[in-house]
Amino acid sequence: MSTLPLIALLGIATVLSLYMGRLAKKISLPSLVGYMILGALMGGSVFGVLSDENVHDLGFLTDVALGFVAFTIGSELNLRELKKLGRGIIYIILAESFAAFLLVTTAVWLLTKNLPMALIFGSLAPASAPAGTVAVIQEYKAKGSLTKALYAVVGFDDGLAIVIFGFASAAARNMLDPNSSMSLIQGILQPTGEIFFSLLIGGALGYLFTVLIRILKPLTDVPSLIFGFIAISIGLSQWLHLSLILTNMMLGFVLTNAVPSSLNKALIGQLKTWMPFLFIPFFFLAGAHLQVGALPSLGLLGIVYIFSRTSGLMGGAWLGAKVGKSETKIKKYLGFGILSQAGVAIGLSMLVLKDFTELGTPEASLIATTVITTITATCIVFEIVGPIGAKFALTKAGEIGKTK
């Protein structure tokens, strides 16, 4: 079957995913869990219907879908609505990110007595995977203050996670190699620059978008314009090594805050009608990327990472909401909706593998291989548990299926 043309395999995967998603809903799971399970089964780590080469060739679909997810997050971050959430949302983002970092770093250090390794694991903990949360929100048509808070948190915490990683990675490298050329200042400035230029380019594209959208007639041409700008944003992010998520999020953010609300609602309404189609190949390919064979290597370190990260994110979200005097439902349930972890964390762990292997010391190489193996295995768990947690949070908050 793997000899079929790639487009035919994609078509088969889409049709089967649709029904696998419906099967998942029958047992009260989000559809995307069904898509991922099918992807894992058809991927190279189980039945091998899709080869690793096939999955790699379809990787551009993942980037396109992630660009639309980030754009959707930005389009939901209306400043008027964010003000209603108060300062609590800032406290939540800071508290959940740093609590996850500190708790995971402490837990891994107590287990391994290896501080550089602990810092690396701790710095990876705040990174989230916004696609799972956004997919659940859209599938169940969730609306309300918790929904708005989830959009904000999963959108901005990746930016903070990149900064934390830059600092911690530089510190760990200096512990392993005092002659390392990367100083702590460089460790902070490099990711900060990435975030700054991502937001700058996204903002510039967003401004140009708003100029063109005001004179575009008819509105049926809007999807083409949206696709074009998101594709440009994705391409520039890849070319300049910037954050695809932050660039496209800023594009959507400028749009939603610069055009009249009636026009914005029309744009977002059109976007939401075809977003579900993008989620099918995205989560199917996410499942196909999962190396199920890595699960047996989870071990005690992986279990410690899972529990300490979960505790840090949930405890930090609760603390931030309490200090910021957020609504009770945000304080109680937001932590359940931010557990997903995948692309950003795996990407950063690949960077660890490259940079630490280049140090050429046995300890650095051990840290690199341990990190990539453990993060790959734990992401499988978080990618399944995360969307289920998001649905639980939105259900408990009474925001699923609201129309106002």
Protein backbone atom coordinates (compact mmCIF):
# COMPACT_ATOMS: atom_id res chain seq x y z
CA MET A 1 0.00 0.00 0.00
CA SER A 2 2.94 2.32 0.64
CA THR A 3 3.66 2.21 -3.11
CA LEU A 4 0.45 4.15 -3.83
CA PRO A 5 0.87 7.80 -4.87
CA LEU A 6 1.24 10.06 -1.85
CA ILE A 7 -1.92 12.00 -2.68
CA ALA A 8 -3.92 8.75 -2.64
CA LEU A 9 -2.47 7.79 0.75
CA LEU A 10 -3.41 11.24 2.07
CA GLY A 11 -6.95 10.80 0.77
CA ILE A 12 -7.29 7.38 2.39
CA ALA A 13 -5.90 8.73 5.65
CA THR A 14 -8.36 11.65 5.59
CA VAL A 15 -11.40 9.42 5.02
CA LEU A 16 -10.35 6.90 7.69
CA SER A 17 -9.50 9.72 10.12
CA LEU A 18 -12.96 11.20 9.73
CA TYR A 19 -14.58 7.96 10.87
CA MET A 20 -11.95 7.31 13.53
CA GLY A 21 -12.75 10.76 14.92
CA ARG A 22 -16.45 9.92 15.04
CA LEU A 23 -15.63 6.70 16.86
CA ALA A 24 -13.62 8.67 19.41
CA LYS A 25 -16.57 11.02 19.99
CA LYS A 26 -18.85 8.06 20.66
CA ILE A 27 -16.72 7.26 23.71
CA SER A 28 -16.64 10.93 24.78
CA LEU A 29 -13.13 11.69 23.49
CA PRO A 30 -12.23 14.64 21.25
CA SER A 31 -12.12 13.70 17.56
CA LEU A 32 -8.45 14.62 17.32
CA VAL A 33 -7.57 11.71 19.63
CA GLY A 34 -9.04 9.39 16.99
CA TYR A 35 -7.03 11.11 14.25
CA MET A 36 -3.81 10.70 16.24
CA ILE A 37 -4.44 7.05 17.08
CA LEU A 38 -5.04 6.25 13.41
CA GLY A 39 -1.88 8.17 12.46
CA ALA A 40 0.15 6.23 15.01
CA LEU A 41 -1.22 2.93 13.70
CA MET A 42 -0.55 3.79 10.04
CA GLY A 43 2.86 5.35 10.76
CA GLY A 44 6.23 3.71 10.58
CA SER A 45 6.34 2.72 14.26
CA VAL A 46 3.35 0.30 13.98
CA PHE A 47 2.00 -0.98 10.62
CA GLY A 48 4.15 1.17 8.35
CA VAL A 49 1.41 2.01 5.84
CA LEU A 50 3.02 5.45 5.65
CA SER A 51 6.79 5.37 5.56
CA ASP A 52 8.91 7.92 7.40
CA GLU A 53 9.67 9.42 4.00
CA ASN A 54 5.94 9.81 3.29
CA VAL A 55 5.42 11.53 6.63
CA HIS A 56 8.37 13.85 5.97
CA ASP A 57 7.05 14.76 2.51
CA LEU A 58 3.69 15.71 4.02
CA GLY A 59 5.32 17.80 6.72
CA PHE A 60 4.38 21.06 5.00
CA LEU A 61 0.73 20.32 5.87
CA THR A 62 1.68 20.37 9.54
CA ASP A 63 3.26 23.81 9.12
CA VAL A 64 0.21 25.14 7.26
CA ALA A 65 -2.19 23.84 9.91
CA LEU A 66 -0.04 25.18 12.74
CA GLY A 67 0.06 28.56 11.01
CA PHE A 68 -3.74 28.63 10.90
CA VAL A 69 -3.93 27.53 14.55
CA ALA A 70 -1.62 30.38 15.58
CA PHE A 71 -3.57 32.85 13.44
CA THR A 72 -6.80 31.68 15.10
CA ILE A 73 -5.30 32.19 18.56
CA GLY A 74 -4.25 35.73 17.66
CA SER A 75 -7.66 36.52 16.20
CA GLU A 76 -9.26 35.59 19.53
CA LEU A 77 -7.01 37.95 21.53
CA ASN A 78 -9.15 41.06 21.29
CA LEU A 79 -7.78 43.71 23.65
CA ARG A 80 -11.25 44.64 24.90
CA GLU A 81 -11.91 41.03 25.84
CA LEU A 82 -8.46 40.56 27.35
CA LYS A 83 -9.00 43.58 29.59
CA LYS A 84 -12.06 41.84 31.01
CA LEU A 85 -9.80 38.98 32.11
CA GLY A 86 -7.72 41.52 34.03
CA ARG A 87 -4.10 41.25 35.13
CA GLY A 88 -4.80 37.69 36.19
CA ILE A 89 -3.95 36.37 32.73
CA ILE A 90 -0.42 37.81 32.99
CA TYR A 91 0.05 36.29 36.44
CA ILE A 92 -1.21 32.94 35.13
CA ILE A 93 1.22 32.86 32.18
CA LEU A 94 4.18 33.80 34.40
CA ALA A 95 3.22 31.49 37.27
CA GLU A 96 2.45 28.35 35.24
CA SER A 97 5.61 28.70 33.14
CA PHE A 98 8.02 29.33 36.00
CA ALA A 99 6.31 26.85 38.33
CA ALA A 100 6.70 24.12 35.69
CA PHE A 101 10.34 25.09 35.17
CA LEU A 102 11.18 25.13 38.89
CA LEU A 103 9.25 21.99 39.82
CA VAL A 104 10.61 19.87 36.96
CA THR A 105 14.17 21.14 37.53
CA THR A 106 13.94 20.27 41.24
CA ALA A 107 12.35 16.86 40.67
CA VAL A 108 14.85 15.81 37.98
CA TRP A 109 17.79 17.04 40.09
CA LEU A 110 16.58 15.07 43.13
CA LEU A 111 16.33 11.95 40.95
CA THR A 112 19.55 12.28 38.94
CA LYS A 113 21.74 14.68 40.97
CA ASN A 114 22.68 16.11 37.57
CA LEU A 115 22.01 19.88 37.57
CA PRO A 116 22.69 20.57 33.85
CA MET A 117 20.26 17.78 32.89
CA ALA A 118 17.71 19.06 35.41
CA LEU A 119 17.91 22.60 33.97
CA ILE A 120 17.32 21.33 30.44
CA PHE A 121 14.27 19.27 31.42
CA GLY A 122 12.95 22.16 33.48
CA SER A 123 13.32 24.59 30.59
CA LEU A 124 11.37 22.29 28.25
CA ALA A 125 8.45 21.92 30.66
CA PRO A 126 6.66 25.27 29.98
CA ALA A 127 6.46 24.67 26.21
CA SER A 128 2.92 23.78 25.16
CA ALA A 129 1.18 22.55 22.01
CA PRO A 130 -1.64 25.03 21.28
CA ALA A 131 -3.16 23.02 18.41
CA GLY A 132 -4.78 20.44 20.70
CA THR A 133 -6.45 23.05 22.88
CA VAL A 134 -7.65 25.11 19.91
CA ALA A 135 -9.02 22.02 18.15
CA VAL A 136 -11.05 21.04 21.22
CA ILE A 137 -12.38 24.60 21.62
CA GLN A 138 -13.53 24.71 18.02
CA GLU A 139 -14.90 21.17 17.90
CA TYR A 140 -17.16 21.79 20.89
CA LYS A 141 -17.88 25.44 20.01
CA ALA A 142 -16.71 26.56 23.43
CA LYS A 143 -17.19 30.20 24.42
CA GLY A 144 -16.66 32.09 27.65
CA SER A 145 -14.01 33.56 29.90
CA LEU A 146 -12.11 30.29 30.38
CA THR A 147 -12.01 29.80 26.62
CA LYS A 148 -10.56 33.30 26.16
CA ALA A 149 -8.02 32.64 28.92
CA LEU A 150 -6.94 29.36 27.30
CA TYR A 151 -6.38 31.12 23.97
CA ALA A 152 -4.19 33.72 25.67
CA VAL A 153 -2.17 31.27 27.77
CA VAL A 154 -1.37 28.72 25.05
CA GLY A 155 -0.54 31.58 22.70
CA PHE A 156 1.91 33.47 24.88
CA ASP A 157 3.52 30.80 27.06
CA ASP A 158 5.53 29.39 24.15
CA GLY A 159 7.28 32.74 23.81
CA LEU A 160 8.19 32.73 27.49
CA ALA A 161 9.24 29.07 27.21
CA ILE A 162 11.73 29.95 24.45
CA VAL A 163 13.33 32.61 26.67
CA ILE A 164 13.52 30.24 29.67
CA PHE A 165 15.09 27.56 27.46
CA GLY A 166 17.69 29.98 26.10
CA PHE A 167 18.78 30.97 29.61
CA ALA A 168 18.80 27.43 31.02
CA SER A 169 20.54 25.91 27.99
CA ALA A 170 23.35 28.48 28.20
CA ALA A 171 23.72 27.85 31.93
CA ALA A 172 23.86 24.08 31.42
CA ARG A 173 26.44 24.38 28.62
CA ASN A 174 28.66 26.55 30.79
CA MET A 175 28.48 23.99 33.61
CA LEU A 176 29.54 21.22 31.24
CA ASP A 177 32.15 23.29 29.40
CA PRO A 178 33.52 26.40 31.16
CA ASN A 179 35.13 27.40 27.84
CA SER A 180 31.77 27.43 26.05
CA SER A 181 31.37 30.40 23.73
CA MET A 182 27.71 30.86 24.73
CA SER A 183 27.39 33.22 27.71
CA LEU A 184 24.29 33.59 29.85
CA ILE A 185 23.68 37.00 28.24
CA GLN A 186 23.76 35.40 24.79
CA GLY A 187 21.44 32.70 26.07
CA ILE A 188 18.88 35.36 26.88
CA LEU A 189 19.43 37.76 23.96
CA GLN A 190 19.20 35.13 21.22
CA PRO A 191 15.68 33.84 22.02
CA THR A 192 14.53 37.34 22.96
CA GLY A 193 15.60 38.53 19.52
CA GLU A 194 13.73 35.63 17.91
CA ILE A 195 10.55 36.60 19.74
CA PHE A 196 10.96 40.32 18.97
CA PHE A 197 11.45 39.82 15.22
CA SER A 198 8.65 37.22 15.08
CA LEU A 199 6.23 39.75 16.57
CA LEU A 200 7.61 42.57 14.40
CA ILE A 201 7.18 40.68 11.12
CA GLY A 202 3.80 39.31 12.17
CA GLY A 203 2.68 42.83 13.09
CA ALA A 204 3.87 44.29 9.77
CA LEU A 205 2.07 41.56 7.80
CA GLY A 206 -1.01 42.10 9.95
CA TYR A 207 -1.02 45.83 9.17
CA LEU A 208 -0.74 45.18 5.43
CA PHE A 209 -3.50 42.57 5.72
CA THR A 210 -5.88 45.06 7.37
CA VAL A 211 -5.21 47.62 4.62
CA LEU A 212 -6.06 45.12 1.88
CA ILE A 213 -9.04 43.55 3.65
CA ARG A 214 -10.84 46.90 3.91
CA ILE A 215 -10.88 47.32 0.14
CA LEU A 216 -11.39 43.66 -0.82
CA LYS A 217 -14.71 42.95 -2.51
CA PRO A 218 -16.44 40.52 -2.40
CA LEU A 219 -15.79 38.94 1.00
CA THR A 220 -15.91 35.50 -0.60
CA ASP A 221 -12.31 36.20 -1.64
CA VAL A 222 -11.25 36.55 2.00
CA PRO A 223 -10.15 32.89 2.46
CA SER A 224 -7.67 33.27 -0.40
CA LEU A 225 -6.20 36.41 1.19
CA ILE A 226 -5.97 34.74 4.61
CA PHE A 227 -4.25 31.69 3.13
CA GLY A 228 -1.81 33.86 1.21
CA PHE A 229 -0.76 35.90 4.23
CA ILE A 230 -0.43 32.86 6.50
CA ALA A 231 1.68 31.12 3.84
CA ILE A 232 3.91 34.21 3.58
CA SER A 233 4.22 34.34 7.36
CA ILE A 234 5.13 30.65 7.56
CA GLY A 235 7.71 30.99 4.81
CA LEU A 236 9.35 34.05 6.34
CA SER A 237 9.45 32.35 9.75
CA GLN A 238 11.23 29.34 8.29
CA TRP A 239 13.60 31.45 6.20
CA LEU A 240 14.59 33.74 9.08
CA HIS A 241 14.48 30.99 11.75
CA LEU A 242 11.72 32.71 13.71
CA SER A 243 8.78 31.35 15.68
CA LEU A 244 6.05 30.24 13.27
CA ILE A 245 3.53 30.33 16.11
CA LEU A 246 4.31 33.84 17.34
CA THR A 247 4.53 35.35 13.83
CA ASN A 248 1.12 34.05 12.77
CA MET A 249 -0.40 34.77 16.16
CA MET A 250 0.66 38.42 15.82
CA LEU A 251 -0.83 38.50 12.31
CA GLY A 252 -4.21 37.44 13.72
CA PHE A 253 -3.86 39.73 16.75
CA VAL A 254 -3.34 42.85 14.62
CA LEU A 255 -6.29 41.88 12.42
CA THR A 256 -8.77 41.41 15.25
CA ASN A 257 -7.80 44.68 16.92
CA ALA A 258 -7.54 46.85 13.81
CA VAL A 259 -10.72 46.13 11.83
CA PRO A 260 -14.35 46.77 12.82
CA SER A 261 -15.85 43.98 14.94
CA SER A 262 -18.49 43.19 12.31
CA LEU A 263 -15.83 42.61 9.65
CA ASN A 264 -13.71 40.64 12.08
CA LYS A 265 -16.63 38.34 12.94
CA ALA A 266 -17.26 37.71 9.24
CA LEU A 267 -13.60 36.84 8.68
CA ILE A 268 -13.31 34.54 11.68
CA GLY A 269 -16.66 32.95 10.84
CA GLN A 270 -15.35 31.94 7.42
CA LEU A 271 -12.10 30.71 8.94
CA LYS A 272 -13.85 28.44 11.42
CA THR A 273 -15.82 26.68 8.70
CA TRP A 274 -12.71 25.11 7.15
CA MET A 275 -10.42 24.85 10.15
CA PRO A 276 -11.76 21.36 11.03
CA PHE A 277 -10.53 20.11 7.64
CA LEU A 278 -7.00 21.26 8.51
CA PHE A 279 -7.12 19.53 11.89
CA ILE A 280 -7.56 16.08 10.29
CA PRO A 281 -4.20 15.90 8.45
CA PHE A 282 -2.46 17.84 11.25
CA PHE A 283 -3.32 15.42 14.02
CA PHE A 284 -3.10 12.38 11.77
CA LEU A 285 0.49 13.36 10.90
CA ALA A 286 1.17 14.18 14.55
CA GLY A 287 0.18 10.60 15.34
CA ALA A 288 2.28 9.26 12.46
CA HIS A 289 5.30 11.10 13.88
CA LEU A 290 4.89 9.48 17.27
CA GLN A 291 7.43 6.75 17.90
CA VAL A 292 5.27 4.33 19.85
CA GLY A 293 8.32 2.14 20.36
CA ALA A 294 9.76 4.90 22.55
CA LEU A 295 7.12 4.33 25.24
CA PRO A 296 8.91 1.36 26.86
CA SER A 297 11.92 3.66 27.37
CA LEU A 298 9.82 6.09 29.41
CA GLY A 299 11.29 4.85 32.68
CA LEU A 300 11.30 6.56 36.06
CA LEU A 301 12.74 9.80 34.66
CA GLY A 302 9.87 10.10 32.19
CA ILE A 303 7.28 9.43 34.90
CA VAL A 304 8.88 12.05 37.16
CA TYR A 305 8.87 14.53 34.28
CA ILE A 306 5.19 13.88 33.50
CA PHE A 307 4.01 14.30 37.07
CA SER A 308 6.22 17.27 37.95
CA ARG A 309 5.34 19.12 34.71
CA THR A 310 1.64 18.48 35.24
CA SER A 311 1.84 19.62 38.87
CA GLY A 312 3.82 22.72 37.92
CA LEU A 313 1.47 23.81 35.14
CA MET A 314 -1.72 23.16 37.08
CA GLY A 315 -0.41 24.49 40.39
CA GLY A 316 1.12 27.56 38.75
CA ALA A 317 -2.08 28.32 36.81
CA TRP A 318 -4.09 28.09 40.04
CA LEU A 319 -1.64 30.32 41.91
CA GLY A 320 -1.50 32.91 39.12
CA ALA A 321 -5.29 33.01 38.90
CA LYS A 322 -5.59 33.37 42.67
CA VAL A 323 -3.04 36.19 42.90
CA GLY A 324 -4.61 37.90 39.87
CA LYS A 325 -8.12 37.47 41.34
CA SER A 326 -9.42 35.70 38.24
CA GLU A 327 -12.83 34.03 38.08
CA THR A 328 -13.31 30.89 40.14
CA LYS A 329 -13.73 28.68 37.06
CA ILE A 330 -10.47 29.96 35.59
CA LYS A 331 -8.68 29.29 38.87
CA LYS A 332 -10.12 25.78 39.16
CA TYR A 333 -9.98 24.50 35.60
CA LEU A 334 -7.51 26.39 33.40
CA GLY A 335 -4.61 24.13 34.41
CA PHE A 336 -6.37 21.11 32.89
CA GLY A 337 -6.43 22.78 29.47
CA ILE A 338 -2.72 23.57 29.02
CA LEU A 339 -1.07 20.15 29.34
CA SER A 340 -0.52 19.32 25.64
CA GLN A 341 3.12 19.22 24.57
CA ALA A 342 4.66 18.33 21.21
CA GLY A 343 6.28 20.35 18.43
CA VAL A 344 8.03 23.16 20.30
CA ALA A 345 9.38 20.85 23.02
CA ILE A 346 10.59 18.27 20.50
CA GLY A 347 12.17 21.02 18.40
CA LEU A 348 14.03 22.40 21.41
CA SER A 349 15.13 18.90 22.45
CA MET A 350 16.53 18.38 18.93
CA LEU A 351 18.50 21.60 19.45
CA VAL A 352 19.83 20.14 22.71
CA LEU A 353 20.86 16.98 20.85
CA LYS A 354 22.80 19.02 18.29
CA ASP A 355 24.42 21.56 20.64
CA PHE A 356 25.32 19.22 23.49
CA THR A 357 26.68 16.48 21.23
CA GLU A 358 29.01 19.08 19.73
CA LEU A 359 30.53 19.66 23.18
CA GLY A 360 32.18 16.26 22.75
CA THR A 361 32.06 15.17 26.41
CA PRO A 362 30.47 11.91 27.62
CA GLU A 363 28.22 13.73 30.12
CA ALA A 364 26.94 16.19 27.49
CA SER A 365 26.23 13.36 25.04
CA LEU A 366 24.40 11.41 27.76
CA ILE A 367 22.23 14.45 28.55
CA ALA A 368 21.46 14.98 24.86
CA THR A 369 20.31 11.40 24.21
CA THR A 370 18.40 11.20 27.50
CA VAL A 371 16.53 14.42 26.78
CA ILE A 372 15.48 13.54 23.21
CA THR A 373 14.41 10.01 24.18
CA THR A 374 12.43 11.09 27.25
CA ILE A 375 10.74 14.09 25.63
CA THR A 376 9.71 12.00 22.61
CA ALA A 377 8.10 9.42 24.89
CA THR A 378 6.41 11.89 27.24
CA CYS A 379 4.99 13.92 24.35
CA ILE A 380 3.01 10.85 23.32
CA VAL A 381 1.36 10.88 26.74
CA PHE A 382 0.76 14.64 26.80
CA GLU A 383 -0.65 14.73 23.27
CA ILE A 384 -3.33 12.20 24.30
CA VAL A 385 -4.00 13.53 27.81
CA GLY A 386 -3.86 17.23 26.87
CA PRO A 387 -6.97 17.44 24.63
CA ILE A 388 -8.93 15.25 27.07
CA GLY A 389 -7.96 17.65 29.88
CA ALA A 390 -9.03 20.64 27.76
CA LYS A 391 -12.45 19.09 27.14
CA PHE A 392 -12.82 18.31 30.86
CA ALA A 393 -11.96 21.91 31.78
CA LEU A 394 -14.39 23.45 29.30
CA THR A 395 -17.15 21.04 30.31
CA LYS A 396 -16.71 21.76 34.02
CA ALA A 397 -16.67 25.50 33.31
CA GLY A 398 -19.98 25.20 31.45
CA GLU A 399 -18.56 26.68 28.24
CA ILE A 400 -19.08 23.82 25.81
CA GLY A 401 -21.82 24.43 23.28
CA LYS A 402 -22.53 28.00 24.36
CA THR A 403 -23.80 30.28 21.64
CA LYS A 404 -23.27 33.59 23.42
